[in-house]
């Protein structure tokens, strides 16, 4: 049996808040509201008899169609001992959740086109979708958000699996948008090392926008140059073919003229050129024409 639509499961106040996402409400409030809606959707989308540690797709309401979400349930002890790989995230062993819960619900978010309107950082430009990783208590109907502590290796967020990020490795910075209002920029490259849950994205300094524009111009110029070279090559080929055709036509006209001036006759098995007659053949003289 399929799960009912999320709009039938969410309480009316939450749906009204969802409809008002595009209003002028403070951005942090909108972020937390979206987190709550995706969390609720993850609970309602959980398939029956679904295996632990196997991701499933979260069905989101239409207002969040620009985003995607996945979730999976984990035993806390197994996650602490073995760690886990979940989409772009690698959770190393030693992950501890507080307060303690035997079963965990891990929610993955890719906010897609909503990223720019929800997450901004003064002095920086966001150039990747914002990815979210949140962990909840999975026991009972009152699932609550847990605090996560990394006791060994940090959590890895690998943005190299996401298409559309410019190939400017030395300019990419990791932005960590905490669950509160704090924002931290750390590290370089496409793999971010973080110490807890939250939202993460790749940014560049505002001054490097010129670099990005220059890079785009270089790519456009190279593409235009390649297309121009192809067009020039086609024109040269057409001109050469035209010249060859003209020479071939001139040769054919010359041969036709020569064949008309010197006819070809067969003498045995040989071909011989013969000139056309140009002298009037003499007439037979009669006796009565002779002078007396």
Protein backbone atom coordinates (compact mmCIF):
# COMPACT_ATOMS: atom_id res chain seq x y z
CA UNK A 1 0.00 0.00 0.00
CA UNK A 2 1.38 3.41 -0.97
CA UNK A 3 1.86 6.16 1.55
CA UNK A 4 -0.75 8.95 1.42
CA UNK A 5 0.28 12.33 0.02
CA UNK A 6 2.29 14.43 2.41
CA UNK A 7 -0.23 17.27 2.16
CA UNK A 8 -2.78 14.99 3.87
CA UNK A 9 -0.40 14.15 6.72
CA UNK A 10 1.06 17.53 7.60
CA UNK A 11 -0.98 19.63 10.03
CA UNK A 12 -2.75 22.65 8.56
CA UNK A 13 -0.56 25.26 10.35
CA UNK A 14 2.57 23.67 8.92
CA UNK A 15 1.08 23.63 5.42
CA UNK A 16 0.17 27.30 5.73
CA UNK A 17 3.73 28.07 6.79
CA UNK A 18 5.00 26.06 3.83
CA UNK A 19 2.87 28.07 1.43
CA UNK A 20 4.31 31.28 2.90
CA UNK A 21 7.95 30.28 2.34
CA UNK A 22 8.38 32.91 -0.33
CA UNK A 23 7.31 35.75 1.96
CA UNK A 24 9.63 38.08 3.82
CA UNK A 25 10.07 35.85 6.89
CA UNK A 26 13.62 35.78 8.31
CA UNK A 27 15.91 33.38 6.45
CA UNK A 28 16.97 31.32 9.53
CA UNK A 29 13.31 30.68 10.34
CA UNK A 30 12.68 29.50 6.79
CA UNK A 31 15.68 27.18 6.98
CA UNK A 32 14.45 25.52 10.16
CA UNK A 33 10.93 25.31 8.78
CA UNK A 34 12.19 23.48 5.69
CA UNK A 35 14.26 21.15 7.89
CA UNK A 36 11.13 20.31 9.90
CA UNK A 37 9.05 19.71 6.78
CA UNK A 38 11.67 17.41 5.25
CA UNK A 39 11.96 15.58 8.58
CA UNK A 40 8.20 15.06 8.70
CA UNK A 41 8.23 13.90 5.07
CA UNK A 42 11.01 11.41 5.85
CA UNK A 43 8.93 9.87 8.64
CA UNK A 44 5.84 9.55 6.45
CA UNK A 45 7.78 8.25 3.43
CA UNK A 46 9.35 5.35 5.30
CA UNK A 47 8.40 2.14 3.44
CA UNK A 48 6.99 -0.79 5.38
CA UNK A 49 9.41 -3.66 6.02
CA UNK A 50 12.29 -1.52 4.80
CA UNK A 51 15.77 -2.71 5.74
CA UNK A 52 17.96 -0.82 8.16
CA UNK A 53 20.92 1.10 6.65
CA UNK A 54 19.29 1.15 3.20
CA UNK A 55 18.43 4.65 1.86
CA UNK A 56 14.95 5.48 0.61
CA UNK A 57 13.60 8.47 -1.30
CA UNK A 58 11.65 11.10 0.63
CA UNK A 59 8.49 12.38 -1.04
CA UNK A 60 8.48 16.18 -0.70
CA UNK A 61 5.55 18.58 -1.13
CA UNK A 62 5.21 20.53 -4.36
CA UNK A 63 6.52 23.74 -2.78
CA UNK A 64 9.88 21.98 -2.30
CA UNK A 65 10.02 20.38 -5.74
CA UNK A 66 13.37 22.10 -6.41
CA UNK A 67 14.95 20.07 -3.60
CA UNK A 68 15.52 16.35 -3.11
CA UNK A 69 15.83 14.31 0.06
CA UNK A 70 16.75 10.78 1.09
CA UNK A 71 16.75 9.07 4.45
CA UNK A 72 17.80 5.84 6.12
CA UNK A 73 17.53 4.30 9.55
CA UNK A 74 20.54 3.06 11.48
CA UNK A 75 21.25 1.33 14.75
CA UNK A 76 23.27 3.74 16.86
CA UNK A 77 25.74 1.07 17.94
CA UNK A 78 26.43 -0.06 14.38
CA UNK A 79 26.92 3.53 13.20
CA UNK A 80 29.34 4.20 16.05
CA UNK A 81 31.37 1.04 15.31
CA UNK A 82 31.33 0.93 11.50
CA UNK A 83 30.39 4.38 10.24
CA UNK A 84 28.42 4.75 6.99
CA UNK A 85 28.45 6.17 3.47
CA UNK A 86 25.35 8.14 2.54
CA UNK A 87 25.28 9.91 -0.84
CA UNK A 88 28.02 12.61 -0.71
CA UNK A 89 28.66 12.04 3.01
CA UNK A 90 31.14 9.64 4.61
CA UNK A 91 30.48 9.11 8.32
CA UNK A 92 33.56 7.70 10.00
CA UNK A 93 33.34 5.32 12.98
CA UNK A 94 33.09 7.02 16.35
CA UNK A 95 29.97 9.10 15.64
CA UNK A 96 27.99 9.59 18.84
CA UNK A 97 24.49 11.09 19.14
CA UNK A 98 23.11 12.84 22.25
CA UNK A 99 20.79 12.20 23.92
CA UNK A 100 21.33 8.47 23.45
CA UNK A 101 18.95 6.60 21.16
CA UNK A 102 19.11 3.00 19.96
CA UNK A 103 17.82 3.82 16.49
CA UNK A 104 18.66 6.84 14.37
CA UNK A 105 17.02 8.48 11.36
CA UNK A 106 19.61 10.10 9.06
CA UNK A 107 18.20 12.63 6.58
CA UNK A 108 20.09 13.84 3.51
CA UNK A 109 19.07 17.07 1.77
CA UNK A 110 20.04 18.56 -1.59
CA UNK A 111 18.37 21.96 -1.68
CA UNK A 112 19.09 22.52 -5.39
CA UNK A 113 17.77 25.83 -6.68
CA UNK A 114 16.56 26.81 -3.21
CA UNK A 115 20.15 27.03 -1.96
CA UNK A 116 20.87 30.59 -3.09
CA UNK A 117 17.73 32.06 -1.52
CA UNK A 118 18.18 30.26 1.80
CA UNK A 119 21.93 30.29 2.35
CA UNK A 120 24.09 33.32 1.68
CA UNK A 121 27.40 34.46 3.09
CA UNK A 122 28.61 38.10 2.97
CA UNK A 123 31.74 38.43 0.87
CA UNK A 124 31.30 35.04 -0.77
CA UNK A 125 29.36 33.54 -3.65
CA UNK A 126 27.69 30.13 -3.41
CA UNK A 127 28.59 28.00 -6.43
CA UNK A 128 27.18 24.59 -5.45
CA UNK A 129 23.89 23.25 -4.13
CA UNK A 130 23.68 23.23 -0.36
CA UNK A 131 23.77 19.71 1.09
CA UNK A 132 22.25 18.95 4.47
CA UNK A 133 22.83 16.09 6.91
CA UNK A 134 20.58 15.88 9.97
CA UNK A 135 20.19 13.03 12.47
CA UNK A 136 17.02 12.33 14.49
CA UNK A 137 15.73 9.87 17.04
CA UNK A 138 13.91 7.10 15.15
CA UNK A 139 12.06 5.57 18.12
CA UNK A 140 8.41 6.45 18.61
CA UNK A 141 6.27 9.01 16.84
CA UNK A 142 7.89 12.01 18.54
CA UNK A 143 11.14 11.92 16.57
CA UNK A 144 13.46 14.69 17.76
CA UNK A 145 16.68 16.13 16.41
CA UNK A 146 19.83 14.86 18.10
CA UNK A 147 23.18 16.47 18.77
CA UNK A 148 26.03 14.69 16.98
CA UNK A 149 29.62 14.47 18.20
CA UNK A 150 32.57 13.23 16.13
CA UNK A 151 35.05 11.40 18.37
CA UNK A 152 37.48 10.18 15.69
CA UNK A 153 37.83 11.17 12.02
CA UNK A 154 35.66 14.08 10.77
CA UNK A 155 32.68 13.72 8.46
CA UNK A 156 33.60 14.03 4.78
CA UNK A 157 31.37 15.90 2.32
CA UNK A 158 32.44 15.08 -1.23
CA UNK A 159 31.19 17.69 -3.72
CA UNK A 160 33.06 16.08 -6.63
CA UNK A 161 29.98 13.88 -7.20
CA UNK A 162 27.88 16.95 -8.00
CA UNK A 163 27.92 18.22 -11.59
CA UNK A 164 28.06 21.90 -12.49
CA UNK A 165 30.77 23.11 -10.09
CA UNK A 166 33.48 25.12 -11.96
CA UNK A 167 36.90 23.50 -12.31
CA UNK A 168 38.75 26.11 -10.22
CA UNK A 169 40.07 24.01 -7.38
CA UNK A 170 42.34 26.61 -5.82
CA UNK A 171 39.44 29.04 -5.33
CA UNK A 172 36.86 26.68 -3.80
CA UNK A 173 36.12 27.04 -0.09
CA UNK A 174 33.90 24.97 2.20
CA UNK A 175 31.08 26.83 3.92
CA UNK A 176 29.49 25.27 6.99
CA UNK A 177 26.05 26.64 7.84
CA UNK A 178 25.37 25.55 11.41
CA UNK A 179 21.97 24.72 12.80
CA UNK A 180 21.97 28.11 14.49
CA UNK A 181 23.02 31.37 12.86
CA UNK A 182 26.75 30.64 12.81
CA UNK A 183 28.56 30.28 9.49
CA UNK A 184 32.12 29.05 9.10
CA UNK A 185 34.40 28.96 6.07
CA UNK A 186 37.14 26.37 6.20
CA UNK A 187 39.32 24.20 3.99
CA UNK A 188 39.79 24.22 0.24
CA UNK A 189 38.83 21.88 -2.54
CA UNK A 190 35.82 19.72 -3.27
CA UNK A 191 35.97 17.56 -0.14
CA UNK A 192 34.93 19.28 3.09
CA UNK A 193 35.90 17.90 6.50
CA UNK A 194 33.32 18.83 9.14
CA UNK A 195 32.79 17.97 12.79
CA UNK A 196 29.04 17.62 12.95
CA UNK A 197 25.71 17.79 11.20
CA UNK A 198 24.31 20.82 9.41
CA UNK A 199 24.32 22.30 5.91
CA UNK A 200 27.34 22.62 3.65
CA UNK A 201 28.25 24.26 0.35
CA UNK A 202 31.13 25.42 -1.82
CA UNK A 203 31.79 29.15 -2.07
CA UNK A 204 34.29 31.51 -3.68
CA UNK A 205 35.34 34.93 -2.51
CA UNK A 206 33.52 37.79 -4.20
CA UNK A 207 36.78 38.99 -5.73
CA UNK A 208 37.07 35.73 -7.67
CA UNK A 209 33.88 36.45 -9.58
CA UNK A 210 36.16 38.18 -12.08
CA UNK A 211 38.17 34.97 -12.29
CA UNK A 212 35.00 33.01 -12.94
CA UNK A 213 33.90 35.48 -15.61
CA UNK A 214 37.37 35.39 -17.17
CA UNK A 215 37.28 31.60 -17.12
CA UNK A 216 33.89 31.62 -18.83
CA UNK A 217 35.17 34.13 -21.41
CA UNK A 218 38.21 31.96 -22.10
CA UNK A 219 35.99 28.93 -22.61
CA UNK A 220 33.65 30.92 -24.87
CA UNK A 221 36.57 32.35 -26.86
CA UNK A 222 38.12 28.91 -27.28
CA UNK A 223 34.79 27.52 -28.45
CA UNK A 224 34.29 30.42 -30.88
CA UNK A 225 37.85 30.02 -32.17
CA UNK A 226 37.34 26.32 -32.76
CA UNK A 227 34.08 26.98 -34.61
CA UNK A 228 35.79 29.72 -36.67
CA UNK A 229 38.62 27.36 -37.60
CA UNK A 230 36.09 24.76 -38.71
CA UNK A 231 34.23 27.33 -40.84
CA UNK A 232 37.47 28.56 -42.43
CA UNK A 233 38.43 24.97 -43.17
CA UNK A 234 35.07 24.36 -44.85
CA UNK A 235 35.48 27.52 -46.97
CA UNK A 236 39.00 26.48 -48.05
CA UNK A 237 37.76 23.01 -48.99
CA UNK A 238 34.90 24.52 -51.00
CA UNK A 239 37.29 26.89 -52.86
CA UNK A 240 39.71 24.06 -53.67
CA UNK A 241 36.90 21.87 -54.94
CA UNK A 242 35.62 24.77 -57.08
CA UNK A 243 39.07 25.33 -58.62
CA UNK A 244 39.43 21.63 -59.37
CA UNK A 245 36.03 21.59 -61.00
CA UNK A 246 36.92 24.62 -63.17
CA UNK A 247 40.17 22.96 -64.31
CA UNK A 248 38.33 19.74 -65.05
CA UNK A 249 35.71 21.56 -67.13
CA UNK A 250 38.43 23.45 -69.06
CA UNK A 251 40.23 20.17 -69.80
CA UNK A 252 37.01 18.58 -71.00
CA UNK A 253 36.33 21.53 -73.32
CA UNK A 254 39.88 21.32 -74.71
CA UNK A 255 39.57 17.60 -75.35
CA UNK A 256 36.19 18.08 -77.00
CA UNK A 257 37.66 20.72 -79.33
CA UNK A 258 40.61 18.50 -80.24
CA UNK A 259 38.36 15.52 -80.88
CA UNK A 260 36.28 17.65 -83.18
CA UNK A 261 39.34 18.97 -85.09
CA UNK A 262 41.04 15.58 -85.32
CA UNK A 263 38.62 12.76 -85.72
CA UNK A 264 39.59 9.35 -84.48
CA UNK A 265 39.44 6.46 -86.94
CA UNK A 266 40.15 2.81 -86.41
CA UNK A 267 42.80 1.25 -88.64
CA UNK A 268 42.75 -2.39 -87.77
CA UNK A 269 43.17 -2.50 -84.04
CA UNK A 270 44.77 0.92 -83.85
CA UNK A 271 43.23 4.33 -83.26
CA UNK A 272 44.46 7.09 -85.56
CA UNK A 273 43.65 10.78 -85.77
CA UNK A 274 42.44 11.96 -89.20
CA UNK A 275 41.88 15.53 -90.30
CA UNK A 276 38.58 16.53 -91.77
CA UNK A 277 38.54 17.24 -95.51
CA UNK A 278 39.02 20.90 -96.33
CA UNK A 279 39.66 20.73 -100.09
CA UNK A 280 36.83 20.40 -102.61
CA UNK A 281 37.03 17.07 -104.34
CA UNK A 282 37.77 17.45 -108.13
CA UNK A 283 34.97 16.67 -110.55
CA UNK A 284 35.43 14.13 -113.37
CA UNK A 285 36.33 15.82 -116.61
CA UNK A 286 34.24 14.93 -119.70
CA UNK A 287 35.48 14.72 -123.25
CA UNK A 288 33.18 17.47 -124.44
CA UNK A 289 34.73 19.80 -121.95
CA UNK A 290 38.17 19.39 -123.45
CA UNK A 291 39.30 22.29 -125.64
CA UNK A 292 39.23 21.68 -129.35
